[in-house]
Amino acid sequence: MTKLVIIDTGCANLSSVKFAFDRLGIQAEISRDLDKIQSADKLLLPSVGTAQAAMKIL
């Protein structure tokens, strides 16, 4: 199974994003943990209209 990690940037409604994947039958995990992010098969970097705020946090 593909491991999808939603990167917790602290500036998006990640629960809604995860719920959308759950409804599609795709298992996703929200994390800031570098080891989990590096071991993921797929990454999702959510943002709210602009990536600038997320990039500052990262």
Protein backbone atom coordinates (compact mmCIF):
# COMPACT_ATOMS: atom_id res chain seq x y z
CA MET A 1 0.00 0.00 0.00
CA THR A 2 1.24 3.48 -0.86
CA LYS A 3 2.16 5.56 2.16
CA LEU A 4 0.76 9.10 1.81
CA VAL A 5 1.85 11.76 4.26
CA ILE A 6 0.13 15.13 4.48
CA ILE A 7 2.77 17.57 5.68
CA ASP A 8 1.53 19.51 8.70
CA THR A 9 2.41 23.08 7.78
CA GLY A 10 0.25 24.62 10.48
CA CYS A 11 -1.58 26.83 8.00
CA ALA A 12 -4.30 24.68 6.44
CA ASN A 13 -7.36 22.68 7.50
CA LEU A 14 -5.63 19.32 7.38
CA SER A 15 -8.47 17.40 8.99
CA SER A 16 -10.68 18.16 5.98
CA VAL A 17 -7.93 17.10 3.59
CA LYS A 18 -7.39 13.82 5.47
CA PHE A 19 -11.15 13.20 5.61
CA ALA A 20 -11.37 13.63 1.83
CA PHE A 21 -8.69 10.96 1.34
CA ASP A 22 -10.44 8.69 3.86
CA ARG A 23 -13.68 8.95 1.86
CA LEU A 24 -11.75 7.96 -1.27
CA GLY A 25 -10.38 4.90 0.53
CA ILE A 26 -6.84 6.29 0.61
CA GLN A 27 -4.99 5.97 3.88
CA ALA A 28 -3.18 9.20 4.74
CA GLU A 29 -1.30 10.44 7.77
CA ILE A 30 -0.78 14.03 8.92
CA SER A 31 2.73 14.57 10.22
CA ARG A 32 5.57 16.99 10.89
CA ASP A 33 7.92 14.13 11.74
CA LEU A 34 10.90 14.22 9.37
CA ASP A 35 11.40 10.43 9.44
CA LYS A 36 7.76 9.81 8.47
CA ILE A 37 7.93 12.43 5.73
CA GLN A 38 11.16 10.98 4.30
CA SER A 39 9.80 7.43 4.32
CA ALA A 40 6.55 8.35 2.54
CA ASP A 41 5.81 7.14 -0.97
CA LYS A 42 3.75 10.26 -1.70
CA LEU A 43 3.68 13.69 -0.08
CA LEU A 44 0.98 16.32 -0.02
CA LEU A 45 1.96 19.88 0.81
CA PRO A 46 -1.29 21.74 1.50
CA SER A 47 -1.50 25.49 1.41
CA VAL A 48 -4.15 28.19 1.62
CA GLY A 49 -3.98 30.13 -1.64
CA THR A 50 -0.27 30.79 -1.31
CA ALA A 51 2.69 28.68 -0.33
CA GLN A 52 4.53 31.61 1.26
CA ALA A 53 3.21 31.02 4.80
CA ALA A 54 3.86 27.28 4.56
CA MET A 55 7.40 27.81 3.29
CA LYS A 56 8.20 30.08 6.25
CA ILE A 57 7.08 27.33 8.63
CA LEU A 58 9.03 24.64 6.79
